[in-house]
Amino acid sequence: MAETKFSKSQLCTCERFARYRDILSAFLKEDKSYGIAETEKIINDFLGSGKEEK
């Protein structure tokens, strides 16, 4: 079964990702749909980008 996909607008306005709205607004494309796992990966990649490799 295929994962449900959501538009940038839907993801930016949903309660689940409310605290990451700025990140999603910057990184998601208007003409693409995203699954929850893909959206969470985008957020985690951004938040982890400032960490140093050990």
PDB file of N, CA and C in Angstrom:
ATOM      1  N   MET A   1       0.835  -1.177   0.000  1.00  0.00           N
ATOM      2  CA  MET A   1       0.000   0.000   0.000  1.00  0.00           C
ATOM      3  C   MET A   1       0.887   1.249   0.000  1.00  0.00           C
ATOM      4  N   ALA A   2       0.560   2.196  -0.816  1.00  0.00           N
ATOM      5  CA  ALA A   2       1.356   3.415  -0.942  1.00  0.00           C
ATOM      6  C   ALA A   2       1.108   4.353   0.244  1.00  0.00           C
ATOM      7  N   GLU A   3       2.167   5.052   0.620  1.00  0.00           N
ATOM      8  CA  GLU A   3       2.056   6.013   1.710  1.00  0.00           C
ATOM      9  C   GLU A   3       1.224   7.215   1.255  1.00  0.00           C
ATOM     10  N   THR A   4       0.397   7.736   2.132  1.00  0.00           N
ATOM     11  CA  THR A   4      -0.392   8.927   1.831  1.00  0.00           C
ATOM     12  C   THR A   4       0.549  10.110   1.693  1.00  0.00           C
ATOM     13  N   LYS A   5       0.307  10.921   0.691  1.00  0.00           N
ATOM     14  CA  LYS A   5       1.141  12.096   0.432  1.00  0.00           C
ATOM     15  C   LYS A   5       0.341  13.364   0.710  1.00  0.00           C
ATOM     16  N   PHE A   6       1.048  14.406   1.119  1.00  0.00           N
ATOM     17  CA  PHE A   6       0.422  15.665   1.462  1.00  0.00           C
ATOM     18  C   PHE A   6       1.130  16.817   0.756  1.00  0.00           C
ATOM     19  N   SER A   7       0.384  17.875   0.499  1.00  0.00           N
ATOM     20  CA  SER A   7       0.967  19.057  -0.143  1.00  0.00           C
ATOM     21  C   SER A   7       1.743  19.880   0.887  1.00  0.00           C
ATOM     22  N   LYS A   8       2.549  20.773   0.392  1.00  0.00           N
ATOM     23  CA  LYS A   8       3.301  21.682   1.257  1.00  0.00           C
ATOM     24  C   LYS A   8       2.340  22.445   2.159  1.00  0.00           C
ATOM     25  N   SER A   9       1.263  22.931   1.595  1.00  0.00           N
ATOM     26  CA  SER A   9       0.280  23.695   2.345  1.00  0.00           C
ATOM     27  C   SER A   9      -0.328  22.873   3.479  1.00  0.00           C
ATOM     28  N   GLN A  10      -0.681  21.628   3.196  1.00  0.00           N
ATOM     29  CA  GLN A  10      -1.263  20.758   4.217  1.00  0.00           C
ATOM     30  C   GLN A  10      -0.279  20.500   5.355  1.00  0.00           C
ATOM     31  N   LEU A  11       0.969  20.239   5.008  1.00  0.00           N
ATOM     32  CA  LEU A  11       1.975  19.939   6.023  1.00  0.00           C
ATOM     33  C   LEU A  11       2.314  21.166   6.872  1.00  0.00           C
ATOM     34  N   CYS A  12       2.347  22.327   6.238  1.00  0.00           N
ATOM     35  CA  CYS A  12       2.700  23.552   6.962  1.00  0.00           C
ATOM     36  C   CYS A  12       1.586  24.012   7.901  1.00  0.00           C
ATOM     37  N   THR A  13       0.372  23.563   7.658  1.00  0.00           N
ATOM     38  CA  THR A  13      -0.744  23.998   8.499  1.00  0.00           C
ATOM     39  C   THR A  13      -1.228  22.924   9.477  1.00  0.00           C
ATOM     40  N   CYS A  14      -0.673  21.729   9.389  1.00  0.00           N
ATOM     41  CA  CYS A  14      -1.139  20.675  10.301  1.00  0.00           C
ATOM     42  C   CYS A  14      -0.515  20.858  11.686  1.00  0.00           C
ATOM     43  N   GLU A  15      -1.231  20.410  12.696  1.00  0.00           N
ATOM     44  CA  GLU A  15      -0.791  20.563  14.086  1.00  0.00           C
ATOM     45  C   GLU A  15       0.486  19.779  14.379  1.00  0.00           C
ATOM     46  N   ARG A  16       0.630  18.628  13.751  1.00  0.00           N
ATOM     47  CA  ARG A  16       1.791  17.757  14.004  1.00  0.00           C
ATOM     48  C   ARG A  16       3.119  18.464  13.722  1.00  0.00           C
ATOM     49  N   PHE A  17       3.157  19.272  12.675  1.00  0.00           N
ATOM     50  CA  PHE A  17       4.400  19.935  12.280  1.00  0.00           C
ATOM     51  C   PHE A  17       4.386  21.441  12.546  1.00  0.00           C
ATOM     52  N   ALA A  18       3.493  21.898  13.410  1.00  0.00           N
ATOM     53  CA  ALA A  18       3.342  23.332  13.663  1.00  0.00           C
ATOM     54  C   ALA A  18       4.652  23.991  14.097  1.00  0.00           C
ATOM     55  N   ARG A  19       5.422  23.311  14.928  1.00  0.00           N
ATOM     56  CA  ARG A  19       6.663  23.928  15.425  1.00  0.00           C
ATOM     57  C   ARG A  19       7.776  23.947  14.377  1.00  0.00           C
ATOM     58  N   TYR A  20       7.583  23.227  13.279  1.00  0.00           N
ATOM     59  CA  TYR A  20       8.584  23.171  12.207  1.00  0.00           C
ATOM     60  C   TYR A  20       8.114  23.894  10.950  1.00  0.00           C
ATOM     61  N   ARG A  21       7.090  24.705  11.089  1.00  0.00           N
ATOM     62  CA  ARG A  21       6.482  25.391   9.946  1.00  0.00           C
ATOM     63  C   ARG A  21       7.502  26.178   9.121  1.00  0.00           C
ATOM     64  N   ASP A  22       8.398  26.871   9.787  1.00  0.00           N
ATOM     65  CA  ASP A  22       9.403  27.674   9.071  1.00  0.00           C
ATOM     66  C   ASP A  22      10.341  26.794   8.247  1.00  0.00           C
ATOM     67  N   ILE A  23      10.741  25.671   8.815  1.00  0.00           N
ATOM     68  CA  ILE A  23      11.624  24.742   8.093  1.00  0.00           C
ATOM     69  C   ILE A  23      10.902  24.192   6.869  1.00  0.00           C
ATOM     70  N   LEU A  24       9.665  23.759   7.066  1.00  0.00           N
ATOM     71  CA  LEU A  24       8.908  23.181   5.951  1.00  0.00           C
ATOM     72  C   LEU A  24       8.639  24.217   4.873  1.00  0.00           C
ATOM     73  N   SER A  25       8.333  25.433   5.275  1.00  0.00           N
ATOM     74  CA  SER A  25       8.086  26.496   4.292  1.00  0.00           C
ATOM     75  C   SER A  25       9.312  26.737   3.421  1.00  0.00           C
ATOM     76  N   ALA A  26      10.483  26.606   4.022  1.00  0.00           N
ATOM     77  CA  ALA A  26      11.725  26.857   3.293  1.00  0.00           C
ATOM     78  C   ALA A  26      12.128  25.689   2.389  1.00  0.00           C
ATOM     79  N   PHE A  27      11.892  24.462   2.825  1.00  0.00           N
ATOM     80  CA  PHE A  27      12.448  23.310   2.113  1.00  0.00           C
ATOM     81  C   PHE A  27      11.473  22.539   1.222  1.00  0.00           C
ATOM     82  N   LEU A  28      10.184  22.626   1.494  1.00  0.00           N
ATOM     83  CA  LEU A  28       9.233  21.882   0.661  1.00  0.00           C
ATOM     84  C   LEU A  28       8.896  22.668  -0.595  1.00  0.00           C
ATOM     85  N   LYS A  29       8.662  21.938  -1.676  1.00  0.00           N
ATOM     86  CA  LYS A  29       8.309  22.555  -2.959  1.00  0.00           C
ATOM     87  C   LYS A  29       6.788  22.568  -3.115  1.00  0.00           C
ATOM     88  N   GLU A  30       6.276  23.639  -3.709  1.00  0.00           N
ATOM     89  CA  GLU A  30       4.826  23.799  -3.903  1.00  0.00           C
ATOM     90  C   GLU A  30       4.226  22.706  -4.779  1.00  0.00           C
ATOM     91  N   ASP A  31       4.965  22.260  -5.780  1.00  0.00           N
ATOM     92  CA  ASP A  31       4.425  21.340  -6.784  1.00  0.00           C
ATOM     93  C   ASP A  31       4.719  19.869  -6.491  1.00  0.00           C
ATOM     94  N   LYS A  32       5.094  19.550  -5.247  1.00  0.00           N
ATOM     95  CA  LYS A  32       5.433  18.177  -4.884  1.00  0.00           C
ATOM     96  C   LYS A  32       4.624  17.757  -3.658  1.00  0.00           C
ATOM     97  N   SER A  33       4.350  16.468  -3.557  1.00  0.00           N
ATOM     98  CA  SER A  33       3.672  15.916  -2.389  1.00  0.00           C
ATOM     99  C   SER A  33       4.678  15.119  -1.570  1.00  0.00           C
ATOM    100  N   TYR A  34       4.475  15.089  -0.255  1.00  0.00           N
ATOM    101  CA  TYR A  34       5.417  14.455   0.652  1.00  0.00           C
ATOM    102  C   TYR A  34       4.699  13.514   1.610  1.00  0.00           C
ATOM    103  N   GLY A  35       5.339  12.402   1.913  1.00  0.00           N
ATOM    104  CA  GLY A  35       4.842  11.495   2.936  1.00  0.00           C
ATOM    105  C   GLY A  35       5.332  11.955   4.301  1.00  0.00           C
ATOM    106  N   ILE A  36       4.757  11.400   5.350  1.00  0.00           N
ATOM    107  CA  ILE A  36       5.142  11.777   6.716  1.00  0.00           C
ATOM    108  C   ILE A  36       6.607  11.440   6.980  1.00  0.00           C
ATOM    109  N   ALA A  37       7.036  10.252   6.596  1.00  0.00           N
ATOM    110  CA  ALA A  37       8.435   9.848   6.836  1.00  0.00           C
ATOM    111  C   ALA A  37       9.401  10.777   6.100  1.00  0.00           C
ATOM    112  N   GLU A  38       9.074  11.127   4.877  1.00  0.00           N
ATOM    113  CA  GLU A  38       9.928  12.023   4.086  1.00  0.00           C
ATOM    114  C   GLU A  38       9.986  13.413   4.732  1.00  0.00           C
ATOM    115  N   THR A  39       8.855  13.889   5.223  1.00  0.00           N
ATOM    116  CA  THR A  39       8.788  15.188   5.881  1.00  0.00           C
ATOM    117  C   THR A  39       9.624  15.183   7.158  1.00  0.00           C
ATOM    118  N   GLU A  40       9.504  14.123   7.941  1.00  0.00           N
ATOM    119  CA  GLU A  40      10.291  14.017   9.162  1.00  0.00           C
ATOM    120  C   GLU A  40      11.784  13.948   8.864  1.00  0.00           C
ATOM    121  N   LYS A  41      12.160  13.309   7.780  1.00  0.00           N
ATOM    122  CA  LYS A  41      13.572  13.232   7.382  1.00  0.00           C
ATOM    123  C   LYS A  41      14.102  14.619   7.015  1.00  0.00           C
ATOM    124  N   ILE A  42      13.315  15.394   6.302  1.00  0.00           N
ATOM    125  CA  ILE A  42      13.724  16.757   5.931  1.00  0.00           C
ATOM    126  C   ILE A  42      13.965  17.583   7.193  1.00  0.00           C
ATOM    127  N   ILE A  43      13.055  17.474   8.153  1.00  0.00           N
ATOM    128  CA  ILE A  43      13.199  18.214   9.410  1.00  0.00           C
ATOM    129  C   ILE A  43      14.437  17.741  10.166  1.00  0.00           C
ATOM    130  N   ASN A  44      14.595  16.425  10.307  1.00  0.00           N
ATOM    131  CA  ASN A  44      15.738  15.880  11.042  1.00  0.00           C
ATOM    132  C   ASN A  44      17.068  16.206  10.374  1.00  0.00           C
ATOM    133  N   ASP A  45      17.108  16.161   9.052  1.00  0.00           N
ATOM    134  CA  ASP A  45      18.337  16.517   8.332  1.00  0.00           C
ATOM    135  C   ASP A  45      18.708  17.970   8.597  1.00  0.00           C
ATOM    136  N   PHE A  46      17.716  18.847   8.594  1.00  0.00           N
ATOM    137  CA  PHE A  46      17.983  20.256   8.842  1.00  0.00           C
ATOM    138  C   PHE A  46      18.455  20.478  10.282  1.00  0.00           C
ATOM    139  N   LEU A  47      17.757  19.902  11.236  1.00  0.00           N
ATOM    140  CA  LEU A  47      18.103  20.099  12.640  1.00  0.00           C
ATOM    141  C   LEU A  47      19.445  19.462  12.994  1.00  0.00           C
ATOM    142  N   GLY A  48      19.811  18.410  12.301  1.00  0.00           N
ATOM    143  CA  GLY A  48      21.072  17.732  12.556  1.00  0.00           C
ATOM    144  C   GLY A  48      22.242  18.343  11.823  1.00  0.00           C
ATOM    145  N   SER A  49      21.985  19.293  10.929  1.00  0.00           N
ATOM    146  CA  SER A  49      23.040  19.828  10.075  1.00  0.00           C
ATOM    147  C   SER A  49      24.094  20.616  10.844  1.00  0.00           C
ATOM    148  N   GLY A  50      23.785  21.089  12.048  1.00  0.00           N
ATOM    149  CA  GLY A  50      24.746  21.860  12.819  1.00  0.00           C
ATOM    150  C   GLY A  50      25.619  21.005  13.719  1.00  0.00           C
ATOM    151  N   LYS A  51      25.367  19.729  13.762  1.00  0.00           N
ATOM    152  CA  LYS A  51      26.140  18.835  14.638  1.00  0.00           C
ATOM    153  C   LYS A  51      27.454  18.438  13.978  1.00  0.00           C
ATOM    154  N   GLU A  52      28.483  18.346  14.796  1.00  0.00           N
ATOM    155  CA  GLU A  52      29.786  17.921  14.290  1.00  0.00           C
ATOM    156  C   GLU A  52      29.855  16.405  14.243  1.00  0.00           C
ATOM    157  N   GLU A  53      30.566  15.901  13.253  1.00  0.00           N
ATOM    158  CA  GLU A  53      30.799  14.457  13.152  1.00  0.00           C
ATOM    159  C   GLU A  53      31.862  14.058  14.168  1.00  0.00           C
ATOM    160  N   LYS A  54      31.688  12.902  14.814  1.00  0.00           N
ATOM    161  CA  LYS A  54      32.680  12.445  15.791  1.00  0.00           C
ATOM    162  C   LYS A  54      33.359  11.212  15.291  1.00  0.00           C
TER     163      LYS A  54
END
